[in-house]
Amino acid sequence: MRASHADRERAVDVLKAGFAEGRLQQPEYEQRIGRAYKAQTHAELQMLVSDLPQGPVPQAQFQPQRPMVPATFMPMPMPMQMPVPVHTNSSATGALVCGIMTPVTWGLTAIPAVILGHKARAEIRRTGERGDGQAITGLVLGWLAIGGWALFLLVFVLSAAVNL
């Protein structure tokens, strides 16, 4: 892009500031000032002030332009993908509900809670859905109810064997 008189003056101002701050020696300063007034493009001005704290214009204007290449040889643009909403696994919700219902149903929903919990965890690993905490909670409550019934039956059988 061609440089205007205002662009050259901005570059000279940056060079003056660099000289005043002691970043440039007198001969280099004079040489750069001469080159700044002769500069035809922004790229030439940028080269003169690139090692100083400020540039003549924002840096974004000096980014190299893409080469003129036929579209056939350009890489394919990546399609914009909409974020896929992540849903909670329904088996995990079922496992949680069955696990919570075990005390109310005297443990009848414990086995479905365990089955749904294991099924949900496998589906979650495969699909990336949410609900792993619900599945684990359903599993724990289901196994606790099964363990409670097993303990109750063990105590019942042992007490019946002792009374014989």
C-alpha atoms as a PDB file:
ATOM      1  CA  MET A   1       0.000   0.000   0.000  1.00  0.00           C
ATOM      2  CA  ARG A   2       1.347   3.409  -0.907  1.00  0.00           C
ATOM      3  CA  ALA A   3       2.272   5.781   1.907  1.00  0.00           C
ATOM      4  CA  SER A   4       0.809   9.271   2.262  1.00  0.00           C
ATOM      5  CA  HIS A   5       2.512  12.434   3.497  1.00  0.00           C
ATOM      6  CA  ALA A   6       0.783  11.967   6.861  1.00  0.00           C
ATOM      7  CA  ASP A   7       2.191   8.425   7.115  1.00  0.00           C
ATOM      8  CA  ARG A   8       5.685   9.730   6.440  1.00  0.00           C
ATOM      9  CA  GLU A   9       5.280  12.460   9.081  1.00  0.00           C
ATOM     10  CA  ARG A  10       4.132   9.875  11.635  1.00  0.00           C
ATOM     11  CA  ALA A  11       7.210   7.772  10.874  1.00  0.00           C
ATOM     12  CA  VAL A  12       9.421  10.839  11.265  1.00  0.00           C
ATOM     13  CA  ASP A  13       7.750  11.616  14.609  1.00  0.00           C
ATOM     14  CA  VAL A  14       8.538   8.077  15.792  1.00  0.00           C
ATOM     15  CA  LEU A  15      12.138   8.485  14.655  1.00  0.00           C
ATOM     16  CA  LYS A  16      12.385  11.839  16.476  1.00  0.00           C
ATOM     17  CA  ALA A  17      11.067  10.196  19.661  1.00  0.00           C
ATOM     18  CA  GLY A  18      13.543   7.353  19.272  1.00  0.00           C
ATOM     19  CA  PHE A  19      16.418   9.835  18.834  1.00  0.00           C
ATOM     20  CA  ALA A  20      15.250  11.902  21.832  1.00  0.00           C
ATOM     21  CA  GLU A  21      15.085   8.756  23.997  1.00  0.00           C
ATOM     22  CA  GLY A  22      18.606   7.750  22.991  1.00  0.00           C
ATOM     23  CA  ARG A  23      17.570   4.741  20.953  1.00  0.00           C
ATOM     24  CA  LEU A  24      19.182   6.095  17.758  1.00  0.00           C
ATOM     25  CA  GLN A  25      22.576   7.732  17.204  1.00  0.00           C
ATOM     26  CA  GLN A  26      22.810  10.979  15.180  1.00  0.00           C
ATOM     27  CA  PRO A  27      24.078   9.424  11.888  1.00  0.00           C
ATOM     28  CA  GLU A  28      21.512   6.611  11.933  1.00  0.00           C
ATOM     29  CA  TYR A  29      18.757   9.069  12.813  1.00  0.00           C
ATOM     30  CA  GLU A  30      19.605  11.333   9.873  1.00  0.00           C
ATOM     31  CA  GLN A  31      19.857   8.384   7.500  1.00  0.00           C
ATOM     32  CA  ARG A  32      16.449   7.039   8.567  1.00  0.00           C
ATOM     33  CA  ILE A  33      14.818  10.483   8.289  1.00  0.00           C
ATOM     34  CA  GLY A  34      16.064  10.768   4.708  1.00  0.00           C
ATOM     35  CA  ARG A  35      14.778   7.306   3.856  1.00  0.00           C
ATOM     36  CA  ALA A  36      11.422   8.074   5.517  1.00  0.00           C
ATOM     37  CA  TYR A  37      10.836  11.116   3.293  1.00  0.00           C
ATOM     38  CA  LYS A  38      11.725   9.037   0.223  1.00  0.00           C
ATOM     39  CA  ALA A  39       9.574   6.016   1.221  1.00  0.00           C
ATOM     40  CA  GLN A  40       6.869   5.083  -1.256  1.00  0.00           C
ATOM     41  CA  THR A  41       5.037   2.326   0.680  1.00  0.00           C
ATOM     42  CA  HIS A  42       3.928   1.509   4.211  1.00  0.00           C
ATOM     43  CA  ALA A  43       6.289  -1.459   4.213  1.00  0.00           C
ATOM     44  CA  GLU A  44       9.286   0.826   3.719  1.00  0.00           C
ATOM     45  CA  LEU A  45       8.141   3.026   6.604  1.00  0.00           C
ATOM     46  CA  GLN A  46       7.550   0.005   8.799  1.00  0.00           C
ATOM     47  CA  MET A  47      11.092  -1.225   8.185  1.00  0.00           C
ATOM     48  CA  LEU A  48      12.437   2.129   9.386  1.00  0.00           C
ATOM     49  CA  VAL A  49      10.544   2.136  12.706  1.00  0.00           C
ATOM     50  CA  SER A  50       9.976  -1.571  13.420  1.00  0.00           C
ATOM     51  CA  ASP A  51      12.710  -1.705  16.077  1.00  0.00           C
ATOM     52  CA  LEU A  52      11.316   1.348  17.916  1.00  0.00           C
ATOM     53  CA  PRO A  53       8.513   1.283  20.518  1.00  0.00           C
ATOM     54  CA  GLN A  54       5.879   2.789  18.196  1.00  0.00           C
ATOM     55  CA  GLY A  55       5.131   2.456  14.512  1.00  0.00           C
ATOM     56  CA  PRO A  56       3.765   5.027  12.065  1.00  0.00           C
ATOM     57  CA  VAL A  57       0.336   3.330  11.887  1.00  0.00           C
ATOM     58  CA  PRO A  58      -1.225   0.297  13.584  1.00  0.00           C
ATOM     59  CA  GLN A  59       0.629  -2.942  12.874  1.00  0.00           C
ATOM     60  CA  ALA A  60      -2.413  -4.640  11.355  1.00  0.00           C
ATOM     61  CA  GLN A  61      -2.049  -2.588   8.165  1.00  0.00           C
ATOM     62  CA  PHE A  62       1.428  -3.974   7.537  1.00  0.00           C
ATOM     63  CA  GLN A  63       0.507  -7.627   7.475  1.00  0.00           C
ATOM     64  CA  PRO A  64       1.638  -9.217   4.213  1.00  0.00           C
ATOM     65  CA  GLN A  65      -1.115  -9.676   1.694  1.00  0.00           C
ATOM     66  CA  ARG A  66      -1.968 -13.165   0.515  1.00  0.00           C
ATOM     67  CA  PRO A  67      -0.358 -14.001  -2.802  1.00  0.00           C
ATOM     68  CA  MET A  68      -2.647 -13.958  -5.776  1.00  0.00           C
ATOM     69  CA  VAL A  69      -3.214 -17.684  -6.258  1.00  0.00           C
ATOM     70  CA  PRO A  70      -6.089 -19.222  -8.182  1.00  0.00           C
ATOM     71  CA  ALA A  71      -8.842 -20.478  -5.901  1.00  0.00           C
ATOM     72  CA  THR A  72      -8.184 -23.988  -7.183  1.00  0.00           C
ATOM     73  CA  PHE A  73      -4.883 -24.091  -5.302  1.00  0.00           C
ATOM     74  CA  MET A  74      -6.098 -22.457  -2.071  1.00  0.00           C
ATOM     75  CA  PRO A  75      -6.922 -24.722   0.881  1.00  0.00           C
ATOM     76  CA  MET A  76     -10.550 -25.529   1.478  1.00  0.00           C
ATOM     77  CA  PRO A  77     -12.145 -23.265   4.106  1.00  0.00           C
ATOM     78  CA  MET A  78     -13.213 -25.032   7.266  1.00  0.00           C
ATOM     79  CA  PRO A  79     -17.014 -25.127   7.549  1.00  0.00           C
ATOM     80  CA  MET A  80     -18.512 -23.300  10.488  1.00  0.00           C
ATOM     81  CA  GLN A  81     -19.806 -25.907  12.865  1.00  0.00           C
ATOM     82  CA  MET A  82     -22.555 -25.112  15.290  1.00  0.00           C
ATOM     83  CA  PRO A  83     -21.823 -26.324  18.797  1.00  0.00           C
ATOM     84  CA  VAL A  84     -23.760 -29.477  19.469  1.00  0.00           C
ATOM     85  CA  PRO A  85     -25.775 -29.181  22.662  1.00  0.00           C
ATOM     86  CA  VAL A  86     -24.751 -31.890  25.096  1.00  0.00           C
ATOM     87  CA  HIS A  87     -27.723 -33.714  26.584  1.00  0.00           C
ATOM     88  CA  THR A  88     -27.981 -35.722  29.771  1.00  0.00           C
ATOM     89  CA  ASN A  89     -28.155 -39.453  29.187  1.00  0.00           C
ATOM     90  CA  SER A  90     -31.684 -40.711  29.816  1.00  0.00           C
ATOM     91  CA  SER A  91     -30.454 -44.040  31.231  1.00  0.00           C
ATOM     92  CA  ALA A  92     -28.451 -42.098  33.818  1.00  0.00           C
ATOM     93  CA  THR A  93     -31.567 -40.220  34.848  1.00  0.00           C
ATOM     94  CA  GLY A  94     -33.460 -43.525  35.052  1.00  0.00           C
ATOM     95  CA  ALA A  95     -30.706 -45.038  37.205  1.00  0.00           C
ATOM     96  CA  LEU A  96     -30.864 -42.077  39.582  1.00  0.00           C
ATOM     97  CA  VAL A  97     -34.649 -42.225  39.858  1.00  0.00           C
ATOM     98  CA  CYS A  98     -34.617 -45.987  40.465  1.00  0.00           C
ATOM     99  CA  GLY A  99     -31.828 -45.574  43.047  1.00  0.00           C
ATOM    100  CA  ILE A 100     -33.735 -42.885  44.913  1.00  0.00           C
ATOM    101  CA  MET A 101     -36.901 -45.016  44.852  1.00  0.00           C
ATOM    102  CA  THR A 102     -35.228 -48.060  46.496  1.00  0.00           C
ATOM    103  CA  PRO A 103     -36.198 -47.151  50.090  1.00  0.00           C
ATOM    104  CA  VAL A 104     -39.777 -46.397  49.042  1.00  0.00           C
ATOM    105  CA  THR A 105     -40.156 -49.639  47.079  1.00  0.00           C
ATOM    106  CA  TRP A 106     -38.325 -51.752  49.676  1.00  0.00           C
ATOM    107  CA  GLY A 107     -35.491 -52.370  47.216  1.00  0.00           C
ATOM    108  CA  LEU A 108     -37.540 -53.506  44.221  1.00  0.00           C
ATOM    109  CA  THR A 109     -35.992 -50.805  42.011  1.00  0.00           C
ATOM    110  CA  ALA A 110     -32.403 -51.629  43.068  1.00  0.00           C
ATOM    111  CA  ILE A 111     -31.708 -54.077  40.238  1.00  0.00           C
ATOM    112  CA  PRO A 112     -33.050 -51.719  37.526  1.00  0.00           C
ATOM    113  CA  ALA A 113     -30.943 -48.927  39.081  1.00  0.00           C
ATOM    114  CA  VAL A 114     -27.782 -51.028  38.781  1.00  0.00           C
ATOM    115  CA  ILE A 115     -28.562 -52.172  35.240  1.00  0.00           C
ATOM    116  CA  LEU A 116     -29.446 -48.655  34.045  1.00  0.00           C
ATOM    117  CA  GLY A 117     -26.378 -47.215  35.791  1.00  0.00           C
ATOM    118  CA  HIS A 118     -23.975 -49.586  34.042  1.00  0.00           C
ATOM    119  CA  LYS A 119     -25.760 -49.075  30.708  1.00  0.00           C
ATOM    120  CA  ALA A 120     -25.637 -45.280  31.130  1.00  0.00           C
ATOM    121  CA  ARG A 121     -21.912 -45.229  31.951  1.00  0.00           C
ATOM    122  CA  ALA A 122     -21.151 -47.247  28.798  1.00  0.00           C
ATOM    123  CA  GLU A 123     -23.284 -44.911  26.655  1.00  0.00           C
ATOM    124  CA  ILE A 124     -21.711 -41.812  28.222  1.00  0.00           C
ATOM    125  CA  ARG A 125     -18.206 -43.052  27.450  1.00  0.00           C
ATOM    126  CA  ARG A 126     -19.231 -43.756  23.857  1.00  0.00           C
ATOM    127  CA  THR A 127     -21.276 -40.610  23.095  1.00  0.00           C
ATOM    128  CA  GLY A 128     -19.818 -37.984  25.452  1.00  0.00           C
ATOM    129  CA  GLU A 129     -23.201 -37.119  26.961  1.00  0.00           C
ATOM    130  CA  ARG A 130     -23.585 -35.707  30.445  1.00  0.00           C
ATOM    131  CA  GLY A 131     -24.996 -37.610  33.412  1.00  0.00           C
ATOM    132  CA  ASP A 132     -22.078 -39.647  34.724  1.00  0.00           C
ATOM    133  CA  GLY A 133     -22.733 -38.431  38.272  1.00  0.00           C
ATOM    134  CA  GLN A 134     -26.374 -39.472  38.035  1.00  0.00           C
ATOM    135  CA  ALA A 135     -25.388 -42.920  36.778  1.00  0.00           C
ATOM    136  CA  ILE A 136     -22.875 -43.403  39.591  1.00  0.00           C
ATOM    137  CA  THR A 137     -25.398 -42.250  42.194  1.00  0.00           C
ATOM    138  CA  GLY A 138     -27.974 -44.717  40.827  1.00  0.00           C
ATOM    139  CA  LEU A 139     -25.360 -47.498  40.896  1.00  0.00           C
ATOM    140  CA  VAL A 140     -24.325 -46.763  44.477  1.00  0.00           C
ATOM    141  CA  LEU A 141     -27.902 -46.572  45.757  1.00  0.00           C
ATOM    142  CA  GLY A 142     -28.847 -49.732  43.863  1.00  0.00           C
ATOM    143  CA  TRP A 143     -25.863 -51.716  45.165  1.00  0.00           C
ATOM    144  CA  LEU A 144     -26.512 -50.460  48.711  1.00  0.00           C
ATOM    145  CA  ALA A 145     -30.105 -51.686  48.516  1.00  0.00           C
ATOM    146  CA  ILE A 146     -28.996 -55.050  47.098  1.00  0.00           C
ATOM    147  CA  GLY A 147     -26.356 -55.314  49.830  1.00  0.00           C
ATOM    148  CA  GLY A 148     -28.962 -54.399  52.455  1.00  0.00           C
ATOM    149  CA  TRP A 149     -31.309 -57.118  51.230  1.00  0.00           C
ATOM    150  CA  ALA A 150     -28.445 -59.624  51.079  1.00  0.00           C
ATOM    151  CA  LEU A 151     -27.480 -58.759  54.673  1.00  0.00           C
ATOM    152  CA  PHE A 152     -31.132 -59.030  55.776  1.00  0.00           C
ATOM    153  CA  LEU A 153     -31.489 -62.457  54.141  1.00  0.00           C
ATOM    154  CA  LEU A 154     -28.171 -63.640  55.611  1.00  0.00           C
ATOM    155  CA  VAL A 155     -29.238 -62.590  59.119  1.00  0.00           C
ATOM    156  CA  PHE A 156     -32.666 -64.209  58.598  1.00  0.00           C
ATOM    157  CA  VAL A 157     -31.146 -67.502  57.378  1.00  0.00           C
ATOM    158  CA  LEU A 158     -28.562 -67.557  60.191  1.00  0.00           C
ATOM    159  CA  SER A 159     -31.180 -66.839  62.854  1.00  0.00           C
ATOM    160  CA  ALA A 160     -33.407 -69.587  61.427  1.00  0.00           C
ATOM    161  CA  ALA A 161     -30.454 -72.011  61.442  1.00  0.00           C
ATOM    162  CA  VAL A 162     -29.603 -71.162  65.069  1.00  0.00           C
ATOM    163  CA  ASN A 163     -33.206 -71.699  66.206  1.00  0.00           C
ATOM    164  CA  LEU A 164     -33.351 -75.173  64.707  1.00  0.00           C
END
